[in-house]
Amino acid sequence: MPEGPEVQRSADLLDDALAGHTIRTFEARTTAAREWLAEHEGAFEGKRVERVWAHGKHLVGQVEGDLFFHSHYLMWGRWHVVAPDAEEVVTKDRRERARIVTDDAAALLYSAPKFDVGQGDPYAGIPALSRLGPDVLDEPFDADAFLGRLDQEPDRTVGAALLDQTVAAGIGNYLRAEILYACRMDPWRLVGELDGAERGCLAETVPRLSQMAYAQSGRTVPEAVQAKMAADRDLRYSPHAHAWNTRHWVFRRTNLPCLTCDDYVRQEHQLTREWVDDESGETVEKKRIIYFCPTCQPVSVEPKPARPHKDRRPPDSEWASPDDERDPEDR
């Protein structure tokens, strides 16, 4: 799922392309947006886009006349900006969920199941927006609000709390893993057990790593560390130094050497959320993979034994071509 830095870059893209321009065509395929537009025919056409911004993983556009549009990518969504006469505009893709066309550009939303429109304050009209915590990319970051929201559930693990968008908006699985690694923190440590230094590290690292990821297109390691991984095959899965396997300290580096110590990165499924199903009355659990170094982050669970990746790699000839950008964990 795209996280705060990726959604902010999309917001920048749309703001550059649309802000200050008059909408010529505004269409939506999601049910709620289509119904609203049917009741308010032509509401967006002829109106000027005022600005587009992101709050966490949510993208919001403000349009003249107190109108707004809102999208959330979930796993696969993306905004794509092209010329208004581009082939993508002329021949509609079945994955398209919305389109906003001006005289100078066309913004097309693909595959995202969440696209809403309305009038008034978007934070009042979209319940998910009203619940969001401070944006991880806010400058300055509201550390007091972040820590205050973090403290509301002291019996929750810090690994679960960081994924809660009401605590801090914009953290997903890669930022969570990288933040906890940077703070040398056990993902299973309870929030209520964190000391002042640990809380301070989180308050400093959340915005710092988020800003780094935003500036570096999702990368959370410095250029020198990326170059080190690119130069040493033992530090990455593929013999080809693709961007995906030289981007992070621990995220998606299972069984590869830690870049700080001599141990290996591990992964475990961590309980991040549970609730009682209204119909069955049964407790439902949601788990997410967490990546960590058990030496740099002494954990309170027993990690699986490492299986050093270099001991089970096929010869170079059996790897995919350099053009194959898929992570081997996904093949």
C-alpha atoms as a PDB file:
ATOM      1  CA  MET A   1       0.000   0.000   0.000  1.00  0.00           C
ATOM      2  CA  PRO A   2       1.337   3.470  -0.816  1.00  0.00           C
ATOM      3  CA  GLU A   3       2.192   5.282   2.401  1.00  0.00           C
ATOM      4  CA  GLY A   4       2.248   8.947   3.348  1.00  0.00           C
ATOM      5  CA  PRO A   5       5.344   9.890   1.298  1.00  0.00           C
ATOM      6  CA  GLU A   6       3.967   8.262  -1.861  1.00  0.00           C
ATOM      7  CA  VAL A   7       0.530   9.857  -1.498  1.00  0.00           C
ATOM      8  CA  GLN A   8       2.140  13.250  -0.874  1.00  0.00           C
ATOM      9  CA  ARG A   9       4.083  12.910  -4.120  1.00  0.00           C
ATOM     10  CA  SER A  10       0.802  12.132  -5.893  1.00  0.00           C
ATOM     11  CA  ALA A  11      -0.776  15.197  -4.299  1.00  0.00           C
ATOM     12  CA  ASP A  12       2.167  17.286  -5.503  1.00  0.00           C
ATOM     13  CA  LEU A  13       1.673  15.885  -9.000  1.00  0.00           C
ATOM     14  CA  LEU A  14      -2.033  16.729  -9.074  1.00  0.00           C
ATOM     15  CA  ASP A  15      -1.560  20.121  -7.469  1.00  0.00           C
ATOM     16  CA  ASP A  16       1.037  21.057 -10.092  1.00  0.00           C
ATOM     17  CA  ALA A  17      -1.218  19.849 -12.911  1.00  0.00           C
ATOM     18  CA  LEU A  18      -4.651  21.039 -11.738  1.00  0.00           C
ATOM     19  CA  ALA A  19      -4.433  23.904  -9.236  1.00  0.00           C
ATOM     20  CA  GLY A  20      -5.524  27.187 -10.773  1.00  0.00           C
ATOM     21  CA  HIS A  21      -7.105  25.486 -13.788  1.00  0.00           C
ATOM     22  CA  THR A  22     -10.780  25.166 -14.688  1.00  0.00           C
ATOM     23  CA  ILE A  23     -12.341  21.716 -14.850  1.00  0.00           C
ATOM     24  CA  ARG A  24     -13.680  20.771 -18.254  1.00  0.00           C
ATOM     25  CA  THR A  25     -14.717  17.190 -17.459  1.00  0.00           C
ATOM     26  CA  PHE A  26     -15.256  15.525 -14.080  1.00  0.00           C
ATOM     27  CA  GLU A  27     -16.297  11.861 -13.992  1.00  0.00           C
ATOM     28  CA  ALA A  28     -16.353   9.106 -11.380  1.00  0.00           C
ATOM     29  CA  ARG A  29     -17.106   5.390 -11.373  1.00  0.00           C
ATOM     30  CA  THR A  30     -17.258   4.661  -7.655  1.00  0.00           C
ATOM     31  CA  THR A  31     -20.834   4.214  -6.454  1.00  0.00           C
ATOM     32  CA  ALA A  32     -20.989   7.009  -3.869  1.00  0.00           C
ATOM     33  CA  ALA A  33     -19.323   9.587  -6.113  1.00  0.00           C
ATOM     34  CA  ARG A  34     -21.435   8.630  -9.120  1.00  0.00           C
ATOM     35  CA  GLU A  35     -24.643   8.982  -7.103  1.00  0.00           C
ATOM     36  CA  TRP A  36     -23.592  12.383  -5.739  1.00  0.00           C
ATOM     37  CA  LEU A  37     -22.712  13.632  -9.216  1.00  0.00           C
ATOM     38  CA  ALA A  38     -26.064  12.404 -10.556  1.00  0.00           C
ATOM     39  CA  GLU A  39     -27.843  14.485  -7.904  1.00  0.00           C
ATOM     40  CA  HIS A  40     -25.590  17.515  -8.537  1.00  0.00           C
ATOM     41  CA  GLU A  41     -25.190  17.362 -12.290  1.00  0.00           C
ATOM     42  CA  GLY A  42     -22.429  19.610 -13.629  1.00  0.00           C
ATOM     43  CA  ALA A  43     -21.337  20.690 -10.139  1.00  0.00           C
ATOM     44  CA  PHE A  44     -17.606  20.466 -10.894  1.00  0.00           C
ATOM     45  CA  GLU A  45     -17.515  21.481 -14.559  1.00  0.00           C
ATOM     46  CA  GLY A  46     -16.507  25.100 -15.016  1.00  0.00           C
ATOM     47  CA  LYS A  47     -15.070  25.334 -11.501  1.00  0.00           C
ATOM     48  CA  ARG A  48     -11.432  26.072 -10.714  1.00  0.00           C
ATOM     49  CA  VAL A  49      -9.285  23.624  -8.752  1.00  0.00           C
ATOM     50  CA  GLU A  50      -7.904  25.550  -5.784  1.00  0.00           C
ATOM     51  CA  ARG A  51      -5.411  23.071  -4.367  1.00  0.00           C
ATOM     52  CA  VAL A  52      -4.655  19.391  -3.843  1.00  0.00           C
ATOM     53  CA  TRP A  53      -3.034  18.082  -0.665  1.00  0.00           C
ATOM     54  CA  ALA A  54      -2.456  14.881   1.274  1.00  0.00           C
ATOM     55  CA  HIS A  55      -3.167  13.955   4.859  1.00  0.00           C
ATOM     56  CA  GLY A  56      -1.487  10.656   5.578  1.00  0.00           C
ATOM     57  CA  LYS A  57      -2.636   8.154   2.966  1.00  0.00           C
ATOM     58  CA  HIS A  58      -5.609  10.315   1.929  1.00  0.00           C
ATOM     59  CA  LEU A  59      -5.551  12.733  -1.009  1.00  0.00           C
ATOM     60  CA  VAL A  60      -7.939  15.696  -1.031  1.00  0.00           C
ATOM     61  CA  GLY A  61      -8.708  18.269  -3.688  1.00  0.00           C
ATOM     62  CA  GLN A  62     -10.420  21.581  -2.940  1.00  0.00           C
ATOM     63  CA  VAL A  63     -12.482  23.013  -5.790  1.00  0.00           C
ATOM     64  CA  GLU A  64     -14.097  26.422  -6.226  1.00  0.00           C
ATOM     65  CA  GLY A  65     -17.611  26.581  -4.803  1.00  0.00           C
ATOM     66  CA  ASP A  66     -16.677  24.742  -1.596  1.00  0.00           C
ATOM     67  CA  LEU A  67     -16.490  21.445  -3.501  1.00  0.00           C
ATOM     68  CA  PHE A  68     -14.014  18.664  -2.806  1.00  0.00           C
ATOM     69  CA  PHE A  69     -12.870  15.278  -4.043  1.00  0.00           C
ATOM     70  CA  HIS A  70     -11.135  12.631  -1.946  1.00  0.00           C
ATOM     71  CA  SER A  71      -9.289   9.418  -2.758  1.00  0.00           C
ATOM     72  CA  HIS A  72      -7.562   6.616  -0.891  1.00  0.00           C
ATOM     73  CA  TYR A  73      -5.359   4.204  -2.810  1.00  0.00           C
ATOM     74  CA  LEU A  74      -5.709   1.197  -0.498  1.00  0.00           C
ATOM     75  CA  MET A  75      -3.365  -1.373  -2.081  1.00  0.00           C
ATOM     76  CA  TRP A  76      -3.305  -0.709  -5.793  1.00  0.00           C
ATOM     77  CA  GLY A  77      -4.648   2.749  -6.592  1.00  0.00           C
ATOM     78  CA  ARG A  78      -2.701   5.483  -8.345  1.00  0.00           C
ATOM     79  CA  TRP A  79      -3.244   8.866  -9.955  1.00  0.00           C
ATOM     80  CA  HIS A  80      -1.800   9.359 -13.419  1.00  0.00           C
ATOM     81  CA  VAL A  81      -1.462  12.777 -15.109  1.00  0.00           C
ATOM     82  CA  VAL A  82      -1.391  13.022 -18.905  1.00  0.00           C
ATOM     83  CA  ALA A  83      -2.168  15.536 -21.625  1.00  0.00           C
ATOM     84  CA  PRO A  84      -5.917  16.126 -22.133  1.00  0.00           C
ATOM     85  CA  ASP A  85      -5.758  14.575 -25.610  1.00  0.00           C
ATOM     86  CA  ALA A  86      -3.653  11.554 -24.598  1.00  0.00           C
ATOM     87  CA  GLU A  87      -4.751   8.088 -25.650  1.00  0.00           C
ATOM     88  CA  GLU A  88      -5.604   7.192 -22.040  1.00  0.00           C
ATOM     89  CA  VAL A  89      -8.206   9.976 -22.046  1.00  0.00           C
ATOM     90  CA  VAL A  90      -9.710   9.044 -25.391  1.00  0.00           C
ATOM     91  CA  THR A  91      -9.921   5.289 -24.704  1.00  0.00           C
ATOM     92  CA  LYS A  92     -11.091   4.634 -21.163  1.00  0.00           C
ATOM     93  CA  ASP A  93      -9.398   1.901 -19.143  1.00  0.00           C
ATOM     94  CA  ARG A  94     -11.705  -0.441 -17.210  1.00  0.00           C
ATOM     95  CA  ARG A  95      -9.558   0.192 -14.113  1.00  0.00           C
ATOM     96  CA  GLU A  96     -10.332   3.908 -14.197  1.00  0.00           C
ATOM     97  CA  ARG A  97     -12.186   5.173 -11.133  1.00  0.00           C
ATOM     98  CA  ALA A  98     -12.201   8.921 -11.770  1.00  0.00           C
ATOM     99  CA  ARG A  99     -11.046  11.533 -14.250  1.00  0.00           C
ATOM    100  CA  ILE A 100     -10.536  15.263 -13.925  1.00  0.00           C
ATOM    101  CA  VAL A 101      -9.778  17.044 -17.197  1.00  0.00           C
ATOM    102  CA  THR A 102      -8.763  20.670 -17.722  1.00  0.00           C
ATOM    103  CA  ASP A 103      -7.550  22.414 -20.869  1.00  0.00           C
ATOM    104  CA  ASP A 104      -3.959  21.591 -19.922  1.00  0.00           C
ATOM    105  CA  ALA A 105      -4.004  18.198 -18.195  1.00  0.00           C
ATOM    106  CA  ALA A 106      -6.012  15.114 -17.350  1.00  0.00           C
ATOM    107  CA  ALA A 107      -5.752  13.379 -13.976  1.00  0.00           C
ATOM    108  CA  LEU A 108      -6.894   9.756 -14.077  1.00  0.00           C
ATOM    109  CA  LEU A 109      -7.404   7.601 -10.981  1.00  0.00           C
ATOM    110  CA  TYR A 110      -6.835   3.888 -11.496  1.00  0.00           C
ATOM    111  CA  SER A 111      -7.802   0.889  -9.350  1.00  0.00           C
ATOM    112  CA  ALA A 112      -8.532   2.835  -6.156  1.00  0.00           C
ATOM    113  CA  PRO A 113     -11.840   1.709  -4.592  1.00  0.00           C
ATOM    114  CA  LYS A 114     -12.153   4.896  -2.538  1.00  0.00           C
ATOM    115  CA  PHE A 115     -13.140   8.063  -4.400  1.00  0.00           C
ATOM    116  CA  ASP A 116     -15.633  10.495  -2.897  1.00  0.00           C
ATOM    117  CA  VAL A 117     -16.953  13.921  -3.802  1.00  0.00           C
ATOM    118  CA  GLY A 118     -18.973  16.446  -1.875  1.00  0.00           C
ATOM    119  CA  GLN A 119     -19.495  20.019  -0.793  1.00  0.00           C
ATOM    120  CA  GLY A 120     -18.365  21.688   2.413  1.00  0.00           C
ATOM    121  CA  ASP A 121     -15.570  20.711   4.768  1.00  0.00           C
ATOM    122  CA  PRO A 122     -14.063  17.386   3.620  1.00  0.00           C
ATOM    123  CA  TYR A 123     -13.087  16.624   7.222  1.00  0.00           C
ATOM    124  CA  ALA A 124     -16.767  16.759   8.124  1.00  0.00           C
ATOM    125  CA  GLY A 125     -17.933  14.889   5.037  1.00  0.00           C
ATOM    126  CA  ILE A 126     -15.402  12.031   5.129  1.00  0.00           C
ATOM    127  CA  PRO A 127     -15.408  10.280   8.536  1.00  0.00           C
ATOM    128  CA  ALA A 128     -11.989   8.688   7.984  1.00  0.00           C
ATOM    129  CA  LEU A 129     -10.424  12.136   7.555  1.00  0.00           C
ATOM    130  CA  SER A 130     -11.835  13.464  10.814  1.00  0.00           C
ATOM    131  CA  ARG A 131     -10.187  10.655  12.791  1.00  0.00           C
ATOM    132  CA  LEU A 132      -6.662  11.075  11.418  1.00  0.00           C
ATOM    133  CA  GLY A 133      -3.737  11.859  13.662  1.00  0.00           C
ATOM    134  CA  PRO A 134      -0.989  14.349  12.793  1.00  0.00           C
ATOM    135  CA  ASP A 135       0.454  13.943   9.315  1.00  0.00           C
ATOM    136  CA  VAL A 136       3.939  12.419   9.421  1.00  0.00           C
ATOM    137  CA  LEU A 137       5.060  14.979   6.821  1.00  0.00           C
ATOM    138  CA  ASP A 138       3.750  18.045   8.638  1.00  0.00           C
ATOM    139  CA  GLU A 139       6.390  20.708   9.222  1.00  0.00           C
ATOM    140  CA  PRO A 140       6.689  21.036  12.102  1.00  0.00           C
ATOM    141  CA  PHE A 141       5.451  17.591  13.098  1.00  0.00           C
ATOM    142  CA  ASP A 142       3.067  17.734  16.062  1.00  0.00           C
ATOM    143  CA  ALA A 143       5.018  15.458  18.400  1.00  0.00           C
ATOM    144  CA  ASP A 144       2.820  16.272  21.398  1.00  0.00           C
ATOM    145  CA  ALA A 145      -0.333  15.224  19.556  1.00  0.00           C
ATOM    146  CA  PHE A 146       1.407  12.069  18.326  1.00  0.00           C
ATOM    147  CA  LEU A 147       2.562  11.031  21.793  1.00  0.00           C
ATOM    148  CA  GLY A 148      -0.792  11.926  23.321  1.00  0.00           C
ATOM    149  CA  ARG A 149      -2.632   9.711  20.860  1.00  0.00           C
ATOM    150  CA  LEU A 150      -0.032   6.962  21.287  1.00  0.00           C
ATOM    151  CA  ASP A 151      -0.663   6.960  25.047  1.00  0.00           C
ATOM    152  CA  GLN A 152      -4.406   6.391  24.657  1.00  0.00           C
ATOM    153  CA  GLU A 153      -3.890   2.605  24.450  1.00  0.00           C
ATOM    154  CA  PRO A 154      -0.954   1.757  26.732  1.00  0.00           C
ATOM    155  CA  ASP A 155      -1.559  -2.004  26.514  1.00  0.00           C
ATOM    156  CA  ARG A 156      -1.088  -2.081  22.743  1.00  0.00           C
ATOM    157  CA  THR A 157       2.227  -3.071  21.173  1.00  0.00           C
ATOM    158  CA  VAL A 158       4.165  -0.221  19.610  1.00  0.00           C
ATOM    159  CA  GLY A 159       4.306  -2.155  16.321  1.00  0.00           C
ATOM    160  CA  ALA A 160       0.516  -2.182  16.185  1.00  0.00           C
ATOM    161  CA  ALA A 161       0.142   1.415  17.363  1.00  0.00           C
ATOM    162  CA  LEU A 162       2.308   2.831  14.586  1.00  0.00           C
ATOM    163  CA  LEU A 163      -0.064   1.413  11.954  1.00  0.00           C
ATOM    164  CA  ASP A 164      -3.039   3.175  13.541  1.00  0.00           C
ATOM    165  CA  GLN A 165      -3.775   6.216  11.377  1.00  0.00           C
ATOM    166  CA  THR A 166      -5.454   7.963  14.301  1.00  0.00           C
ATOM    167  CA  VAL A 167      -2.067   7.998  16.064  1.00  0.00           C
ATOM    168  CA  ALA A 168      -0.009   9.292  13.142  1.00  0.00           C
ATOM    169  CA  ALA A 169      -1.316   9.539   9.594  1.00  0.00           C
ATOM    170  CA  GLY A 170       0.844   8.096   6.846  1.00  0.00           C
ATOM    171  CA  ILE A 171       2.746   5.201   8.435  1.00  0.00           C
ATOM    172  CA  GLY A 172       2.389   1.855   6.680  1.00  0.00           C
ATOM    173  CA  ASN A 173       4.360  -1.354   6.829  1.00  0.00           C
ATOM    174  CA  TYR A 174       7.655  -0.137   5.401  1.00  0.00           C
ATOM    175  CA  LEU A 175       7.812   3.034   7.496  1.00  0.00           C
ATOM    176  CA  ARG A 176       6.789   1.103  10.608  1.00  0.00           C
ATOM    177  CA  ALA A 177       9.620  -1.406  10.215  1.00  0.00           C
ATOM    178  CA  GLU A 178      12.189   1.257   9.408  1.00  0.00           C
ATOM    179  CA  ILE A 179      11.150   3.541  12.298  1.00  0.00           C
ATOM    180  CA  LEU A 180      11.342   0.730  14.858  1.00  0.00           C
ATOM    181  CA  TYR A 181      14.710  -0.379  13.502  1.00  0.00           C
ATOM    182  CA  ALA A 182      16.068   3.171  13.666  1.00  0.00           C
ATOM    183  CA  CYS A 183      14.983   3.371  17.318  1.00  0.00           C
ATOM    184  CA  ARG A 184      16.349  -0.139  18.034  1.00  0.00           C
ATOM    185  CA  MET A 185      12.929  -0.958  19.412  1.00  0.00           C
ATOM    186  CA  ASP A 186      11.152  -4.263  19.990  1.00  0.00           C
ATOM    187  CA  PRO A 187       7.922  -4.168  17.903  1.00  0.00           C
ATOM    188  CA  TRP A 188       6.179  -6.190  20.648  1.00  0.00           C
ATOM    189  CA  ARG A 189       7.050  -3.721  23.422  1.00  0.00           C
ATOM    190  CA  LEU A 190       3.921  -2.291  25.033  1.00  0.00           C
ATOM    191  CA  VAL A 191       3.311   1.412  24.581  1.00  0.00           C
ATOM    192  CA  GLY A 192       2.870   1.857  28.322  1.00  0.00           C
ATOM    193  CA  GLU A 193       6.354   0.416  28.940  1.00  0.00           C
ATOM    194  CA  LEU A 194       8.192   2.922  26.738  1.00  0.00           C
ATOM    195  CA  ASP A 195      10.590   5.174  28.615  1.00  0.00           C
ATOM    196  CA  GLY A 196      11.253   8.834  27.896  1.00  0.00           C
ATOM    197  CA  ALA A 197      14.186   8.161  25.579  1.00  0.00           C
ATOM    198  CA  GLU A 198      12.182   5.676  23.520  1.00  0.00           C
ATOM    199  CA  ARG A 199       9.228   8.038  23.235  1.00  0.00           C
ATOM    200  CA  GLY A 200      11.582  10.817  22.208  1.00  0.00           C
ATOM    201  CA  CYS A 201      13.173   8.616  19.573  1.00  0.00           C
ATOM    202  CA  LEU A 202       9.789   7.824  18.049  1.00  0.00           C
ATOM    203  CA  ALA A 203       8.742  11.484  18.048  1.00  0.00           C
ATOM    204  CA  GLU A 204      11.970  12.417  16.250  1.00  0.00           C
ATOM    205  CA  THR A 205      12.237   9.441  13.896  1.00  0.00           C
ATOM    206  CA  VAL A 206       8.653   9.343  12.603  1.00  0.00           C
ATOM    207  CA  PRO A 207       8.914  12.709  10.783  1.00  0.00           C
ATOM    208  CA  ARG A 208      12.613  12.362   9.918  1.00  0.00           C
ATOM    209  CA  LEU A 209      12.298   9.014   8.147  1.00  0.00           C
ATOM    210  CA  SER A 210       9.017  10.057   6.540  1.00  0.00           C
ATOM    211  CA  GLN A 211      10.648  13.181   5.118  1.00  0.00           C
ATOM    212  CA  MET A 212      13.585  11.097   3.895  1.00  0.00           C
ATOM    213  CA  ALA A 213      11.231   8.661   2.165  1.00  0.00           C
ATOM    214  CA  TYR A 214       9.329  11.555   0.594  1.00  0.00           C
ATOM    215  CA  ALA A 215      12.512  13.186  -0.700  1.00  0.00           C
ATOM    216  CA  GLN A 216      13.969   9.886  -1.945  1.00  0.00           C
ATOM    217  CA  SER A 217      10.888   8.316  -3.592  1.00  0.00           C
ATOM    218  CA  GLY A 218      10.345   5.854  -0.761  1.00  0.00           C
ATOM    219  CA  ARG A 219      13.974   5.041   0.033  1.00  0.00           C
ATOM    220  CA  THR A 220      14.858   5.070   3.738  1.00  0.00           C
ATOM    221  CA  VAL A 221      18.621   4.505   3.543  1.00  0.00           C
ATOM    222  CA  PRO A 222      21.223   7.145   2.636  1.00  0.00           C
ATOM    223  CA  GLU A 223      22.855   7.039  -0.787  1.00  0.00           C
ATOM    224  CA  ALA A 224      26.052   5.584   0.679  1.00  0.00           C
ATOM    225  CA  VAL A 225      24.173   2.627   2.186  1.00  0.00           C
ATOM    226  CA  GLN A 226      22.285   2.038  -1.048  1.00  0.00           C
ATOM    227  CA  ALA A 227      25.596   2.042  -2.926  1.00  0.00           C
ATOM    228  CA  LYS A 228      26.993  -0.463  -0.412  1.00  0.00           C
ATOM    229  CA  MET A 229      24.077  -2.832  -1.070  1.00  0.00           C
ATOM    230  CA  ALA A 230      24.363  -2.365  -4.814  1.00  0.00           C
ATOM    231  CA  ALA A 231      28.064  -3.250  -4.707  1.00  0.00           C
ATOM    232  CA  ASP A 232      27.734  -6.349  -2.491  1.00  0.00           C
ATOM    233  CA  ARG A 233      25.578  -9.162  -3.791  1.00  0.00           C
ATOM    234  CA  ASP A 234      25.418 -10.767  -0.347  1.00  0.00           C
ATOM    235  CA  LEU A 235      23.400  -7.775   0.885  1.00  0.00           C
ATOM    236  CA  ARG A 236      20.527  -8.178  -1.580  1.00  0.00           C
ATOM    237  CA  TYR A 237      18.448 -10.918  -3.156  1.00  0.00           C
ATOM    238  CA  SER A 238      19.029 -10.339  -6.831  1.00  0.00           C
ATOM    239  CA  PRO A 239      22.383 -10.185  -8.632  1.00  0.00           C
ATOM    240  CA  HIS A 240      20.969  -7.077 -10.281  1.00  0.00           C
ATOM    241  CA  ALA A 241      20.950  -3.959  -8.113  1.00  0.00           C
ATOM    242  CA  HIS A 242      17.302  -3.044  -8.644  1.00  0.00           C
ATOM    243  CA  ALA A 243      15.822  -0.208  -6.639  1.00  0.00           C
ATOM    244  CA  TRP A 244      13.463  -2.462  -4.671  1.00  0.00           C
ATOM    245  CA  ASN A 245      16.241  -4.480  -3.022  1.00  0.00           C
ATOM    246  CA  THR A 246      18.502  -1.567  -2.082  1.00  0.00           C
ATOM    247  CA  ARG A 247      15.938   0.789  -0.514  1.00  0.00           C
ATOM    248  CA  HIS A 248      15.564  -0.143   3.151  1.00  0.00           C
ATOM    249  CA  TRP A 249      17.395  -1.195   6.302  1.00  0.00           C
ATOM    250  CA  VAL A 250      15.131  -4.143   7.180  1.00  0.00           C
ATOM    251  CA  PHE A 251      11.861  -3.939   5.241  1.00  0.00           C
ATOM    252  CA  ARG A 252      11.596  -6.895   2.836  1.00  0.00           C
ATOM    253  CA  ARG A 253      15.172  -7.959   3.607  1.00  0.00           C
ATOM    254  CA  THR A 254      14.284 -11.233   5.359  1.00  0.00           C
ATOM    255  CA  ASN A 255      17.311 -13.555   5.778  1.00  0.00           C
ATOM    256  CA  LEU A 256      19.694 -10.932   4.436  1.00  0.00           C
ATOM    257  CA  PRO A 257      22.514  -9.568   6.628  1.00  0.00           C
ATOM    258  CA  CYS A 258      21.698  -6.666   8.893  1.00  0.00           C
ATOM    259  CA  LEU A 259      23.442  -3.555   7.624  1.00  0.00           C
ATOM    260  CA  THR A 260      24.568  -2.669  11.155  1.00  0.00           C
ATOM    261  CA  CYS A 261      25.535  -5.945  12.861  1.00  0.00           C
ATOM    262  CA  ASP A 262      26.405  -9.540  11.916  1.00  0.00           C
ATOM    263  CA  ASP A 263      22.911 -10.968  12.427  1.00  0.00           C
ATOM    264  CA  TYR A 264      20.232 -11.530   9.783  1.00  0.00           C
ATOM    265  CA  VAL A 265      16.954  -9.714   9.264  1.00  0.00           C
ATOM    266  CA  ARG A 266      13.886 -11.748  10.257  1.00  0.00           C
ATOM    267  CA  GLN A 267      10.168 -11.454   9.771  1.00  0.00           C
ATOM    268  CA  GLU A 268       7.217 -12.471  11.908  1.00  0.00           C
ATOM    269  CA  HIS A 269       3.478 -11.983  11.741  1.00  0.00           C
ATOM    270  CA  GLN A 270       2.397  -9.499  14.388  1.00  0.00           C
ATOM    271  CA  LEU A 271      -1.127  -8.993  15.676  1.00  0.00           C
ATOM    272  CA  THR A 272      -2.005  -5.405  14.817  1.00  0.00           C
ATOM    273  CA  ARG A 273      -5.756  -5.264  15.314  1.00  0.00           C
ATOM    274  CA  GLU A 274      -8.595  -7.377  16.696  1.00  0.00           C
ATOM    275  CA  TRP A 275     -12.327  -6.883  16.942  1.00  0.00           C
ATOM    276  CA  VAL A 276     -15.510  -8.831  17.617  1.00  0.00           C
ATOM    277  CA  ASP A 277     -17.549  -9.729  14.551  1.00  0.00           C
ATOM    278  CA  ASP A 278     -21.088  -8.369  14.898  1.00  0.00           C
ATOM    279  CA  GLU A 279     -22.736 -11.420  13.317  1.00  0.00           C
ATOM    280  CA  SER A 280     -20.732 -14.338  14.687  1.00  0.00           C
ATOM    281  CA  GLY A 281     -19.595 -12.793  17.945  1.00  0.00           C
ATOM    282  CA  GLU A 282     -16.154 -14.234  17.304  1.00  0.00           C
ATOM    283  CA  THR A 283     -12.923 -12.323  17.752  1.00  0.00           C
ATOM    284  CA  VAL A 284     -11.285 -11.456  14.444  1.00  0.00           C
ATOM    285  CA  GLU A 285      -7.543 -10.901  14.315  1.00  0.00           C
ATOM    286  CA  LYS A 286      -5.547  -8.998  11.737  1.00  0.00           C
ATOM    287  CA  LYS A 287      -1.836  -9.648  11.477  1.00  0.00           C
ATOM    288  CA  ARG A 288       0.855  -7.917   9.460  1.00  0.00           C
ATOM    289  CA  ILE A 289       4.417  -8.936   8.688  1.00  0.00           C
ATOM    290  CA  ILE A 290       7.007  -7.034  10.696  1.00  0.00           C
ATOM    291  CA  TYR A 291      10.685  -7.005   9.685  1.00  0.00           C
ATOM    292  CA  PHE A 292      13.410  -6.581  12.309  1.00  0.00           C
ATOM    293  CA  CYS A 293      16.946  -7.440  13.380  1.00  0.00           C
ATOM    294  CA  PRO A 294      16.816  -9.497  16.603  1.00  0.00           C
ATOM    295  CA  THR A 295      20.261  -8.260  17.655  1.00  0.00           C
ATOM    296  CA  CYS A 296      19.750  -4.553  17.016  1.00  0.00           C
ATOM    297  CA  GLN A 297      16.172  -4.819  18.295  1.00  0.00           C
ATOM    298  CA  PRO A 298      16.162  -7.370  21.134  1.00  0.00           C
ATOM    299  CA  VAL A 299      12.670  -8.810  20.768  1.00  0.00           C
ATOM    300  CA  SER A 300      10.390 -10.402  23.330  1.00  0.00           C
ATOM    301  CA  VAL A 301       9.389 -13.211  20.951  1.00  0.00           C
ATOM    302  CA  GLU A 302      11.469 -16.132  19.747  1.00  0.00           C
ATOM    303  CA  PRO A 303      12.403 -15.337  16.131  1.00  0.00           C
ATOM    304  CA  LYS A 304      12.589 -18.074  13.552  1.00  0.00           C
ATOM    305  CA  PRO A 305      16.118 -19.288  12.768  1.00  0.00           C
ATOM    306  CA  ALA A 306      17.723 -17.346   9.958  1.00  0.00           C
ATOM    307  CA  ARG A 307      18.171 -19.011   6.594  1.00  0.00           C
ATOM    308  CA  PRO A 308      20.961 -16.956   5.032  1.00  0.00           C
ATOM    309  CA  HIS A 309      19.761 -16.117   1.567  1.00  0.00           C
ATOM    310  CA  LYS A 310      23.133 -16.638  -0.103  1.00  0.00           C
ATOM    311  CA  ASP A 311      23.084 -20.325   0.901  1.00  0.00           C
ATOM    312  CA  ARG A 312      19.966 -21.034  -1.141  1.00  0.00           C
ATOM    313  CA  ARG A 313      20.322 -18.714  -4.113  1.00  0.00           C
ATOM    314  CA  PRO A 314      20.273 -20.221  -7.598  1.00  0.00           C
ATOM    315  CA  PRO A 315      23.117 -19.509 -10.005  1.00  0.00           C
ATOM    316  CA  ASP A 316      23.016 -16.156 -11.753  1.00  0.00           C
ATOM    317  CA  SER A 317      21.692 -17.793 -14.928  1.00  0.00           C
ATOM    318  CA  GLU A 318      18.503 -18.850 -13.121  1.00  0.00           C
ATOM    319  CA  TRP A 319      17.608 -15.347 -11.990  1.00  0.00           C
ATOM    320  CA  ALA A 320      15.126 -13.234 -13.866  1.00  0.00           C
ATOM    321  CA  SER A 321      16.450 -10.745 -16.358  1.00  0.00           C
ATOM    322  CA  PRO A 322      17.497  -7.252 -15.228  1.00  0.00           C
ATOM    323  CA  ASP A 323      14.186  -5.961 -16.583  1.00  0.00           C
ATOM    324  CA  ASP A 324      12.185  -8.059 -14.111  1.00  0.00           C
ATOM    325  CA  GLU A 325      11.559  -5.685 -11.208  1.00  0.00           C
ATOM    326  CA  ARG A 326       9.482  -8.068  -9.085  1.00  0.00           C
ATOM    327  CA  ASP A 327      10.640  -8.851  -5.595  1.00  0.00           C
ATOM    328  CA  PRO A 328      11.570 -12.554  -5.387  1.00  0.00           C
ATOM    329  CA  GLU A 329       9.350 -12.815  -2.313  1.00  0.00           C
ATOM    330  CA  ASP A 330       6.379 -11.969  -4.571  1.00  0.00           C
ATOM    331  CA  ARG A 331       7.067 -14.358  -7.429  1.00  0.00           C
END
